Amino acid sequence: MRSSLSQHVDNWYALFHVHLIHVATRWGYGEDESRDLVQQFFLELLQKNMEAAAVMEPKAYLTRAFTRKLIDHYRHTKHMQQKAGFIDTTAYEPSVLESLVRTQADEELLASIRTAYKRLPARCQKVIRLKYYEGLTTEQIAERTGLNTRTVYNNLYEGIKALRIELKRAHPRLKFAAVFSFLPLL
């Protein structure tokens, strides 16, 4: 049985070690460290008491197991650095200047969102206000406004689409999902 596991692990290494190195580099490990981690991973596989024939999808199994190893390695490294005093565990507090700059940027963004919102048709403004300020569902908005549910949905769609276009033009690097967190502040 041991020779069977060894043969499987040797075969898996030949087939998937490059893939696992790529997984580690995507996680931010350097090329050499990634190679070392993959080597160590396969050595640990040889020491396990497992039935290699039971692994139906070896690439998926190895990727998942290796990802878990990377997470454990990261946690262990972070813990050791904290123990050694390399990582300052006190909370980061931004300087007054950083806070002012961030606040000013947020105010500029809010002004842009307000301007884009005010340019929307009244119906779109109304359904967006009910949806994002008051937290109503599409059906509740339809009941309150007397509009058809489909009309409410279409107005939401058109309003969000117009906001997205306007804000993309004004702030090209802005992730539109962040806009929803600002809508209640308008």
N, C-alpha and C. Protein backbone atom coordinates (compact mmCIF):
# COMPACT_ATOMS: atom_id res chain seq x y z
N MET A 1 0.81 -1.19 0.00
CA MET A 1 0.00 0.00 0.00
C MET A 1 0.86 1.25 0.00
N ARG A 2 1.95 1.27 0.75
CA ARG A 2 2.82 2.43 0.83
C ARG A 2 3.43 2.75 -0.53
N SER A 3 3.81 1.74 -1.27
CA SER A 3 4.39 1.99 -2.59
C SER A 3 3.34 2.56 -3.54
N SER A 4 2.07 2.15 -3.37
CA SER A 4 0.99 2.68 -4.18
C SER A 4 0.80 4.17 -3.91
N LEU A 5 0.83 4.57 -2.64
CA LEU A 5 0.71 5.98 -2.28
C LEU A 5 1.89 6.76 -2.85
N SER A 6 3.07 6.21 -2.74
CA SER A 6 4.27 6.87 -3.25
C SER A 6 4.17 7.07 -4.76
N GLN A 7 3.68 6.06 -5.46
CA GLN A 7 3.52 6.19 -6.91
C GLN A 7 2.50 7.27 -7.27
N HIS A 8 1.38 7.30 -6.55
CA HIS A 8 0.37 8.32 -6.78
C HIS A 8 0.94 9.72 -6.52
N VAL A 9 1.63 9.86 -5.41
CA VAL A 9 2.18 11.18 -5.06
C VAL A 9 3.21 11.61 -6.10
N ASP A 10 4.05 10.68 -6.55
CA ASP A 10 5.03 11.01 -7.59
C ASP A 10 4.32 11.45 -8.87
N ASN A 11 3.27 10.75 -9.24
CA ASN A 11 2.50 11.09 -10.43
C ASN A 11 1.83 12.45 -10.26
N TRP A 12 1.22 12.70 -9.09
CA TRP A 12 0.58 13.98 -8.82
C TRP A 12 1.59 15.13 -8.86
N TYR A 13 2.77 14.86 -8.32
CA TYR A 13 3.80 15.90 -8.33
C TYR A 13 4.16 16.26 -9.78
N ALA A 14 4.35 15.25 -10.60
CA ALA A 14 4.71 15.50 -12.00
C ALA A 14 3.61 16.28 -12.72
N LEU A 15 2.36 15.97 -12.41
CA LEU A 15 1.25 16.61 -13.11
C LEU A 15 0.89 17.99 -12.57
N PHE A 16 1.00 18.19 -11.25
CA PHE A 16 0.39 19.38 -10.65
C PHE A 16 1.33 20.32 -9.90
N HIS A 17 2.61 20.03 -9.83
CA HIS A 17 3.47 20.90 -9.02
C HIS A 17 3.55 22.31 -9.59
N VAL A 18 3.53 22.46 -10.90
CA VAL A 18 3.57 23.80 -11.51
C VAL A 18 2.29 24.56 -11.17
N HIS A 19 1.15 23.87 -11.24
CA HIS A 19 -0.12 24.50 -10.89
C HIS A 19 -0.09 25.00 -9.44
N LEU A 20 0.43 24.19 -8.53
CA LEU A 20 0.45 24.58 -7.12
C LEU A 20 1.43 25.73 -6.87
N ILE A 21 2.51 25.78 -7.63
CA ILE A 21 3.43 26.92 -7.52
C ILE A 21 2.70 28.20 -7.94
N HIS A 22 1.90 28.11 -9.00
CA HIS A 22 1.11 29.27 -9.44
C HIS A 22 0.09 29.68 -8.37
N VAL A 23 -0.50 28.70 -7.70
CA VAL A 23 -1.45 29.01 -6.62
C VAL A 23 -0.74 29.80 -5.53
N ALA A 24 0.43 29.36 -5.14
CA ALA A 24 1.18 30.05 -4.07
C ALA A 24 1.61 31.45 -4.50
N THR A 25 2.02 31.62 -5.75
CA THR A 25 2.44 32.96 -6.19
C THR A 25 1.24 33.90 -6.26
N ARG A 26 0.06 33.37 -6.60
CA ARG A 26 -1.15 34.22 -6.58
C ARG A 26 -1.49 34.65 -5.17
N TRP A 27 -1.11 33.87 -4.19
CA TRP A 27 -1.34 34.22 -2.79
C TRP A 27 -0.30 35.21 -2.29
N GLY A 28 0.69 35.52 -3.12
CA GLY A 28 1.67 36.53 -2.74
C GLY A 28 3.01 35.99 -2.30
N TYR A 29 3.21 34.71 -2.39
CA TYR A 29 4.51 34.13 -2.04
C TYR A 29 5.45 34.30 -3.22
N GLY A 30 6.74 34.42 -2.92
CA GLY A 30 7.74 34.53 -3.96
C GLY A 30 7.94 33.19 -4.66
N GLU A 31 8.64 33.22 -5.79
CA GLU A 31 8.84 32.01 -6.59
C GLU A 31 9.58 30.92 -5.80
N ASP A 32 10.67 31.28 -5.16
CA ASP A 32 11.45 30.29 -4.41
C ASP A 32 10.67 29.74 -3.22
N GLU A 33 10.01 30.64 -2.49
CA GLU A 33 9.23 30.20 -1.34
C GLU A 33 8.07 29.31 -1.79
N SER A 34 7.48 29.62 -2.93
CA SER A 34 6.39 28.80 -3.47
C SER A 34 6.89 27.39 -3.79
N ARG A 35 8.06 27.31 -4.42
CA ARG A 35 8.62 25.99 -4.73
C ARG A 35 8.89 25.19 -3.44
N ASP A 36 9.42 25.87 -2.44
CA ASP A 36 9.69 25.20 -1.16
C ASP A 36 8.41 24.69 -0.51
N LEU A 37 7.37 25.53 -0.55
CA LEU A 37 6.10 25.13 0.04
C LEU A 37 5.48 23.93 -0.69
N VAL A 38 5.60 23.90 -2.01
CA VAL A 38 5.08 22.78 -2.79
C VAL A 38 5.86 21.51 -2.46
N GLN A 39 7.18 21.60 -2.39
CA GLN A 39 8.01 20.44 -2.04
C GLN A 39 7.61 19.90 -0.66
N GLN A 40 7.47 20.82 0.30
CA GLN A 40 7.11 20.42 1.66
C GLN A 40 5.72 19.79 1.68
N PHE A 41 4.80 20.33 0.90
CA PHE A 41 3.44 19.81 0.82
C PHE A 41 3.45 18.35 0.34
N PHE A 42 4.20 18.07 -0.72
CA PHE A 42 4.23 16.71 -1.24
C PHE A 42 4.95 15.75 -0.30
N LEU A 43 5.95 16.22 0.42
CA LEU A 43 6.61 15.38 1.43
C LEU A 43 5.63 15.03 2.55
N GLU A 44 4.82 15.99 2.95
CA GLU A 44 3.82 15.73 3.98
C GLU A 44 2.75 14.77 3.48
N LEU A 45 2.42 14.85 2.19
CA LEU A 45 1.46 13.90 1.62
C LEU A 45 1.97 12.47 1.72
N LEU A 46 3.27 12.29 1.49
CA LEU A 46 3.85 10.95 1.58
C LEU A 46 3.76 10.40 2.99
N GLN A 47 3.79 11.27 3.98
CA GLN A 47 3.76 10.82 5.38
C GLN A 47 2.35 10.55 5.88
N LYS A 48 1.35 11.00 5.13
CA LYS A 48 -0.04 10.79 5.56
C LYS A 48 -0.45 9.35 5.35
N ASN A 49 -1.36 8.93 6.18
CA ASN A 49 -1.93 7.59 6.05
C ASN A 49 -3.26 7.74 5.32
N MET A 50 -3.18 7.79 3.99
CA MET A 50 -4.37 8.02 3.19
C MET A 50 -4.48 6.99 2.08
N GLU A 51 -5.67 6.84 1.58
CA GLU A 51 -5.93 5.94 0.48
C GLU A 51 -5.95 6.77 -0.80
N ALA A 52 -4.88 6.74 -1.56
CA ALA A 52 -4.73 7.57 -2.75
C ALA A 52 -5.76 7.23 -3.82
N ALA A 53 -6.16 5.99 -3.89
CA ALA A 53 -7.13 5.58 -4.91
C ALA A 53 -8.51 6.19 -4.65
N ALA A 54 -8.76 6.62 -3.41
CA ALA A 54 -10.05 7.22 -3.07
C ALA A 54 -10.17 8.65 -3.59
N VAL A 55 -9.07 9.25 -4.00
CA VAL A 55 -9.08 10.61 -4.51
C VAL A 55 -9.51 10.57 -5.97
N MET A 56 -10.75 11.01 -6.22
CA MET A 56 -11.30 10.95 -7.57
C MET A 56 -10.85 12.11 -8.44
N GLU A 57 -10.73 13.30 -7.85
CA GLU A 57 -10.31 14.51 -8.57
C GLU A 57 -9.02 15.01 -7.94
N PRO A 58 -7.88 14.49 -8.36
CA PRO A 58 -6.63 14.84 -7.68
C PRO A 58 -6.28 16.33 -7.76
N LYS A 59 -6.55 16.97 -8.88
CA LYS A 59 -6.20 18.39 -8.99
C LYS A 59 -6.99 19.22 -7.98
N ALA A 60 -8.29 18.97 -7.89
CA ALA A 60 -9.13 19.70 -6.94
C ALA A 60 -8.71 19.38 -5.50
N TYR A 61 -8.45 18.10 -5.22
CA TYR A 61 -8.04 17.69 -3.88
C TYR A 61 -6.73 18.37 -3.49
N LEU A 62 -5.75 18.31 -4.38
CA LEU A 62 -4.45 18.89 -4.09
C LEU A 62 -4.52 20.41 -3.96
N THR A 63 -5.29 21.05 -4.82
CA THR A 63 -5.42 22.50 -4.75
C THR A 63 -6.03 22.91 -3.43
N ARG A 64 -7.09 22.23 -3.02
CA ARG A 64 -7.76 22.56 -1.75
C ARG A 64 -6.83 22.31 -0.56
N ALA A 65 -6.19 21.15 -0.55
CA ALA A 65 -5.29 20.83 0.56
C ALA A 65 -4.10 21.79 0.61
N PHE A 66 -3.57 22.14 -0.54
CA PHE A 66 -2.43 23.06 -0.59
C PHE A 66 -2.86 24.47 -0.15
N THR A 67 -4.06 24.88 -0.53
CA THR A 67 -4.57 26.18 -0.10
C THR A 67 -4.69 26.22 1.42
N ARG A 68 -5.16 25.15 2.01
CA ARG A 68 -5.23 25.07 3.47
C ARG A 68 -3.84 25.16 4.09
N LYS A 69 -2.88 24.52 3.45
CA LYS A 69 -1.50 24.59 3.94
C LYS A 69 -0.99 26.03 3.88
N LEU A 70 -1.29 26.74 2.79
CA LEU A 70 -0.86 28.14 2.67
C LEU A 70 -1.48 29.00 3.77
N ILE A 71 -2.75 28.77 4.06
CA ILE A 71 -3.42 29.52 5.13
C ILE A 71 -2.75 29.23 6.47
N ASP A 72 -2.50 27.96 6.75
CA ASP A 72 -1.84 27.59 8.00
C ASP A 72 -0.44 28.19 8.07
N HIS A 73 0.28 28.17 6.96
CA HIS A 73 1.63 28.73 6.92
C HIS A 73 1.59 30.23 7.19
N TYR A 74 0.64 30.92 6.59
CA TYR A 74 0.50 32.36 6.81
C TYR A 74 0.21 32.66 8.27
N ARG A 75 -0.74 31.92 8.86
CA ARG A 75 -1.09 32.14 10.27
C ARG A 75 0.10 31.88 11.17
N HIS A 76 0.81 30.80 10.90
CA HIS A 76 1.98 30.46 11.72
C HIS A 76 3.06 31.54 11.60
N THR A 77 3.32 31.99 10.39
CA THR A 77 4.34 33.02 10.17
C THR A 77 3.94 34.31 10.86
N LYS A 78 2.68 34.70 10.75
CA LYS A 78 2.20 35.93 11.39
C LYS A 78 2.32 35.81 12.90
N HIS A 79 1.94 34.66 13.45
CA HIS A 79 2.02 34.44 14.89
C HIS A 79 3.48 34.53 15.37
N MET A 80 4.38 33.93 14.61
CA MET A 80 5.80 33.96 15.00
C MET A 80 6.36 35.38 14.93
N GLN A 81 5.93 36.15 13.93
CA GLN A 81 6.39 37.53 13.81
C GLN A 81 5.85 38.38 14.96
N GLN A 82 4.62 38.12 15.36
CA GLN A 82 4.06 38.86 16.50
C GLN A 82 4.80 38.51 17.78
N LYS A 83 5.12 37.23 17.94
CA LYS A 83 5.85 36.79 19.11
C LYS A 83 7.24 37.42 19.17
N ALA A 84 7.86 37.53 18.01
CA ALA A 84 9.21 38.08 17.95
C ALA A 84 9.20 39.61 18.02
N GLY A 85 8.01 40.21 17.93
CA GLY A 85 7.91 41.66 18.02
C GLY A 85 8.11 42.38 16.70
N PHE A 86 8.05 41.64 15.58
CA PHE A 86 8.23 42.27 14.27
C PHE A 86 6.97 43.00 13.82
N ILE A 87 5.82 42.59 14.33
CA ILE A 87 4.56 43.21 13.94
C ILE A 87 4.03 44.00 15.12
N ASP A 88 3.73 45.25 14.89
CA ASP A 88 3.14 46.09 15.92
C ASP A 88 1.65 45.79 15.97
N THR A 89 1.20 45.28 17.11
CA THR A 89 -0.20 44.89 17.23
C THR A 89 -1.10 46.02 17.69
N THR A 90 -0.53 47.19 17.96
CA THR A 90 -1.38 48.32 18.32
C THR A 90 -2.12 48.80 17.09
N ALA A 91 -3.28 49.34 17.31
CA ALA A 91 -4.11 49.78 16.20
C ALA A 91 -3.48 50.98 15.51
N TYR A 92 -3.63 51.02 14.20
CA TYR A 92 -3.13 52.13 13.41
C TYR A 92 -4.09 53.29 13.54
N GLU A 93 -3.57 54.45 13.85
CA GLU A 93 -4.39 55.64 13.95
C GLU A 93 -3.89 56.65 12.93
N PRO A 94 -4.75 57.04 11.98
CA PRO A 94 -4.30 57.98 10.96
C PRO A 94 -3.99 59.34 11.56
N SER A 95 -3.09 60.05 10.90
CA SER A 95 -2.75 61.39 11.36
C SER A 95 -3.92 62.33 11.09
N VAL A 96 -3.85 63.53 11.67
CA VAL A 96 -4.90 64.52 11.46
C VAL A 96 -4.99 64.87 9.99
N LEU A 97 -3.83 65.02 9.33
CA LEU A 97 -3.81 65.36 7.91
C LEU A 97 -4.48 64.27 7.08
N GLU A 98 -4.16 63.00 7.38
CA GLU A 98 -4.78 61.90 6.65
C GLU A 98 -6.30 61.90 6.85
N SER A 99 -6.74 62.16 8.06
CA SER A 99 -8.18 62.21 8.34
C SER A 99 -8.86 63.34 7.58
N LEU A 100 -8.21 64.50 7.53
CA LEU A 100 -8.78 65.64 6.81
C LEU A 100 -8.88 65.36 5.32
N VAL A 101 -7.83 64.78 4.76
CA VAL A 101 -7.82 64.46 3.33
C VAL A 101 -8.92 63.45 3.01
N ARG A 102 -9.07 62.43 3.84
CA ARG A 102 -10.10 61.41 3.62
C ARG A 102 -11.50 62.02 3.73
N THR A 103 -11.70 62.88 4.71
CA THR A 103 -13.00 63.54 4.88
C THR A 103 -13.33 64.43 3.70
N GLN A 104 -12.33 65.17 3.22
CA GLN A 104 -12.55 66.05 2.08
C GLN A 104 -12.89 65.23 0.83
N ALA A 105 -12.19 64.12 0.64
CA ALA A 105 -12.48 63.25 -0.52
C ALA A 105 -13.89 62.69 -0.42
N ASP A 106 -14.31 62.30 0.78
CA ASP A 106 -15.66 61.78 0.96
C ASP A 106 -16.70 62.86 0.68
N GLU A 107 -16.43 64.09 1.12
CA GLU A 107 -17.37 65.19 0.86
C GLU A 107 -17.49 65.48 -0.63
N GLU A 108 -16.37 65.40 -1.35
CA GLU A 108 -16.41 65.61 -2.80
C GLU A 108 -17.20 64.50 -3.48
N LEU A 109 -17.01 63.28 -3.01
CA LEU A 109 -17.76 62.15 -3.57
C LEU A 109 -19.25 62.31 -3.28
N LEU A 110 -19.59 62.69 -2.05
CA LEU A 110 -21.00 62.90 -1.71
C LEU A 110 -21.62 63.99 -2.58
N ALA A 111 -20.87 65.06 -2.83
CA ALA A 111 -21.38 66.13 -3.69
C ALA A 111 -21.62 65.61 -5.10
N SER A 112 -20.74 64.77 -5.61
CA SER A 112 -20.92 64.18 -6.94
C SER A 112 -22.15 63.29 -6.98
N ILE A 113 -22.34 62.50 -5.94
CA ILE A 113 -23.49 61.60 -5.89
C ILE A 113 -24.78 62.42 -5.81
N ARG A 114 -24.78 63.47 -4.97
CA ARG A 114 -25.96 64.34 -4.86
C ARG A 114 -26.31 64.95 -6.21
N THR A 115 -25.31 65.46 -6.91
CA THR A 115 -25.53 66.08 -8.22
C THR A 115 -26.11 65.07 -9.20
N ALA A 116 -25.52 63.87 -9.24
CA ALA A 116 -26.01 62.83 -10.16
C ALA A 116 -27.43 62.43 -9.79
N TYR A 117 -27.71 62.34 -8.49
CA TYR A 117 -29.05 61.96 -8.02
C TYR A 117 -30.08 63.01 -8.42
N LYS A 118 -29.73 64.28 -8.28
CA LYS A 118 -30.67 65.37 -8.60
C LYS A 118 -30.96 65.45 -10.10
N ARG A 119 -30.07 64.93 -10.92
CA ARG A 119 -30.28 64.93 -12.37
C ARG A 119 -31.24 63.84 -12.82
N LEU A 120 -31.53 62.89 -11.94
CA LEU A 120 -32.43 61.79 -12.30
C LEU A 120 -33.86 62.31 -12.42
N PRO A 121 -34.68 61.62 -13.23
CA PRO A 121 -36.10 61.96 -13.27
C PRO A 121 -36.74 61.77 -11.88
N ALA A 122 -37.81 62.51 -11.62
CA ALA A 122 -38.45 62.50 -10.29
C ALA A 122 -38.88 61.09 -9.88
N ARG A 123 -39.40 60.31 -10.83
CA ARG A 123 -39.83 58.94 -10.50
C ARG A 123 -38.66 58.09 -10.04
N CYS A 124 -37.53 58.20 -10.74
CA CYS A 124 -36.33 57.43 -10.38
C CYS A 124 -35.83 57.86 -9.00
N GLN A 125 -35.81 59.16 -8.75
CA GLN A 125 -35.40 59.65 -7.44
C GLN A 125 -36.29 59.07 -6.34
N LYS A 126 -37.60 59.07 -6.60
CA LYS A 126 -38.55 58.61 -5.60
C LYS A 126 -38.35 57.13 -5.26
N VAL A 127 -38.23 56.27 -6.29
CA VAL A 127 -38.07 54.84 -6.01
C VAL A 127 -36.71 54.53 -5.40
N ILE A 128 -35.68 55.27 -5.81
CA ILE A 128 -34.36 55.06 -5.19
C ILE A 128 -34.40 55.49 -3.73
N ARG A 129 -35.05 56.61 -3.44
CA ARG A 129 -35.16 57.08 -2.06
C ARG A 129 -35.90 56.05 -1.21
N LEU A 130 -37.01 55.53 -1.73
CA LEU A 130 -37.77 54.53 -0.97
C LEU A 130 -36.99 53.24 -0.79
N LYS A 131 -36.26 52.85 -1.81
CA LYS A 131 -35.50 51.59 -1.75
C LYS A 131 -34.29 51.70 -0.81
N TYR A 132 -33.50 52.76 -0.97
CA TYR A 132 -32.23 52.83 -0.25
C TYR A 132 -32.26 53.68 1.01
N TYR A 133 -33.21 54.62 1.13
CA TYR A 133 -33.32 55.40 2.36
C TYR A 133 -34.24 54.72 3.35
N GLU A 134 -35.36 54.24 2.84
CA GLU A 134 -36.36 53.65 3.73
C GLU A 134 -36.29 52.13 3.76
N GLY A 135 -35.53 51.52 2.85
CA GLY A 135 -35.32 50.08 2.86
C GLY A 135 -36.53 49.25 2.45
N LEU A 136 -37.39 49.82 1.62
CA LEU A 136 -38.59 49.10 1.19
C LEU A 136 -38.26 48.13 0.05
N THR A 137 -39.06 47.09 -0.04
CA THR A 137 -38.92 46.15 -1.16
C THR A 137 -39.62 46.73 -2.38
N THR A 138 -39.41 46.11 -3.52
CA THR A 138 -40.05 46.57 -4.75
C THR A 138 -41.57 46.52 -4.61
N GLU A 139 -42.09 45.47 -4.00
CA GLU A 139 -43.54 45.34 -3.82
C GLU A 139 -44.08 46.42 -2.89
N GLN A 140 -43.36 46.72 -1.81
CA GLN A 140 -43.79 47.77 -0.89
C GLN A 140 -43.78 49.14 -1.56
N ILE A 141 -42.78 49.38 -2.40
CA ILE A 141 -42.71 50.65 -3.14
C ILE A 141 -43.91 50.75 -4.08
N ALA A 142 -44.25 49.66 -4.73
CA ALA A 142 -45.39 49.65 -5.66
C ALA A 142 -46.68 49.96 -4.90
N GLU A 143 -46.85 49.37 -3.72
CA GLU A 143 -48.05 49.64 -2.92
C GLU A 143 -48.11 51.11 -2.50
N ARG A 144 -46.98 51.64 -2.05
CA ARG A 144 -46.97 53.01 -1.54
C ARG A 144 -47.17 54.04 -2.65
N THR A 145 -46.59 53.79 -3.83
CA THR A 145 -46.65 54.78 -4.91
C THR A 145 -47.81 54.56 -5.86
N GLY A 146 -48.39 53.38 -5.84
CA GLY A 146 -49.47 53.07 -6.78
C GLY A 146 -48.96 52.67 -8.15
N LEU A 147 -47.63 52.52 -8.28
CA LEU A 147 -47.05 52.11 -9.55
C LEU A 147 -47.08 50.59 -9.67
N ASN A 148 -47.00 50.11 -10.87
CA ASN A 148 -46.88 48.69 -11.15
C ASN A 148 -45.51 48.22 -10.65
N THR A 149 -45.41 46.99 -10.18
CA THR A 149 -44.14 46.44 -9.69
C THR A 149 -43.07 46.51 -10.78
N ARG A 150 -43.47 46.20 -11.99
CA ARG A 150 -42.51 46.24 -13.10
C ARG A 150 -42.03 47.67 -13.36
N THR A 151 -42.90 48.64 -13.21
CA THR A 151 -42.53 50.04 -13.39
C THR A 151 -41.53 50.47 -12.32
N VAL A 152 -41.76 50.03 -11.09
CA VAL A 152 -40.83 50.33 -9.99
C VAL A 152 -39.47 49.74 -10.33
N TYR A 153 -39.46 48.48 -10.73
CA TYR A 153 -38.22 47.81 -11.09
C TYR A 153 -37.51 48.57 -12.22
N ASN A 154 -38.24 48.94 -13.25
CA ASN A 154 -37.64 49.66 -14.39
C ASN A 154 -37.08 51.01 -13.96
N ASN A 155 -37.80 51.73 -13.09
CA ASN A 155 -37.30 53.01 -12.62
C ASN A 155 -36.04 52.85 -11.77
N LEU A 156 -36.00 51.82 -10.95
CA LEU A 156 -34.78 51.53 -10.18
C LEU A 156 -33.62 51.25 -11.13
N TYR A 157 -33.88 50.40 -12.11
CA TYR A 157 -32.85 50.03 -13.07
C TYR A 157 -32.33 51.26 -13.81
N GLU A 158 -33.24 52.07 -14.33
CA GLU A 158 -32.84 53.26 -15.10
C GLU A 158 -32.10 54.27 -14.22
N GLY A 159 -32.58 54.44 -12.98
CA GLY A 159 -31.92 55.37 -12.07
C GLY A 159 -30.51 54.94 -11.71
N ILE A 160 -30.35 53.68 -11.40
CA ILE A 160 -29.02 53.15 -11.05
C ILE A 160 -28.10 53.21 -12.26
N LYS A 161 -28.65 52.88 -13.41
CA LYS A 161 -27.85 52.94 -14.64
C LYS A 161 -27.35 54.37 -14.89
N ALA A 162 -28.24 55.35 -14.73
CA ALA A 162 -27.85 56.75 -14.93
C ALA A 162 -26.82 57.20 -13.89
N LEU A 163 -27.02 56.80 -12.63
CA LEU A 163 -26.03 57.12 -11.59
C LEU A 163 -24.67 56.52 -11.92
N ARG A 164 -24.68 55.27 -12.36
CA ARG A 164 -23.43 54.59 -12.69
C ARG A 164 -22.70 55.33 -13.81
N ILE A 165 -23.41 55.72 -14.85
CA ILE A 165 -22.79 56.41 -15.98
C ILE A 165 -22.21 57.75 -15.54
N GLU A 166 -23.00 58.51 -14.79
CA GLU A 166 -22.57 59.84 -14.34
C GLU A 166 -21.35 59.74 -13.41
N LEU A 167 -21.40 58.81 -12.48
CA LEU A 167 -20.30 58.71 -11.51
C LEU A 167 -19.06 58.08 -12.13
N LYS A 168 -19.24 57.23 -13.10
CA LYS A 168 -18.09 56.65 -13.80
C LYS A 168 -17.34 57.75 -14.55
N ARG A 169 -18.10 58.69 -15.10
CA ARG A 169 -17.49 59.81 -15.81
C ARG A 169 -16.75 60.71 -14.83
N ALA A 170 -17.35 61.00 -13.68
CA ALA A 170 -16.76 61.92 -12.71
C ALA A 170 -15.65 61.27 -11.88
N HIS A 171 -15.80 59.98 -11.55
CA HIS A 171 -14.83 59.25 -10.72
C HIS A 171 -14.56 57.89 -11.36
N PRO A 172 -13.68 57.84 -12.36
CA PRO A 172 -13.48 56.58 -13.10
C PRO A 172 -12.96 55.42 -12.24
N ARG A 173 -12.27 55.70 -11.14
CA ARG A 173 -11.70 54.62 -10.33
C ARG A 173 -12.65 54.14 -9.24
N LEU A 174 -13.79 54.79 -9.11
CA LEU A 174 -14.75 54.46 -8.07
C LEU A 174 -15.45 53.13 -8.38
N LYS A 175 -15.51 52.28 -7.38
CA LYS A 175 -16.28 51.05 -7.50
C LYS A 175 -17.73 51.39 -7.21
N PHE A 176 -18.62 51.11 -8.14
CA PHE A 176 -19.99 51.57 -8.03
C PHE A 176 -20.69 51.00 -6.81
N ALA A 177 -20.32 49.81 -6.36
CA ALA A 177 -20.96 49.22 -5.19
C ALA A 177 -20.79 50.12 -3.97
N ALA A 178 -19.70 50.88 -3.91
CA ALA A 178 -19.47 51.79 -2.79
C ALA A 178 -20.51 52.90 -2.75
N VAL A 179 -21.09 53.23 -3.89
CA VAL A 179 -22.08 54.31 -3.96
C VAL A 179 -23.29 53.97 -3.09
N PHE A 180 -23.68 52.71 -3.04
CA PHE A 180 -24.86 52.32 -2.26
C PHE A 180 -24.67 52.61 -0.78
N SER A 181 -23.44 52.57 -0.29
CA SER A 181 -23.23 52.90 1.11
C SER A 181 -23.38 54.39 1.38
N PHE A 182 -23.24 55.22 0.35
CA PHE A 182 -23.38 56.67 0.52
C PHE A 182 -24.81 57.16 0.29
N LEU A 183 -25.64 56.40 -0.40
CA LEU A 183 -26.98 56.87 -0.73
C LEU A 183 -27.79 57.31 0.50
N PRO A 184 -27.75 56.60 1.61
CA PRO A 184 -28.53 57.08 2.77
C PRO A 184 -28.03 58.42 3.32
N LEU A 185 -26.85 58.84 2.98
CA LEU A 185 -26.29 60.10 3.49
C LEU A 185 -26.73 61.32 2.68
N LEU A 186 -27.37 61.11 1.55
CA LEU A 186 -27.75 62.24 0.69
C LEU A 186 -28.85 63.08 1.30
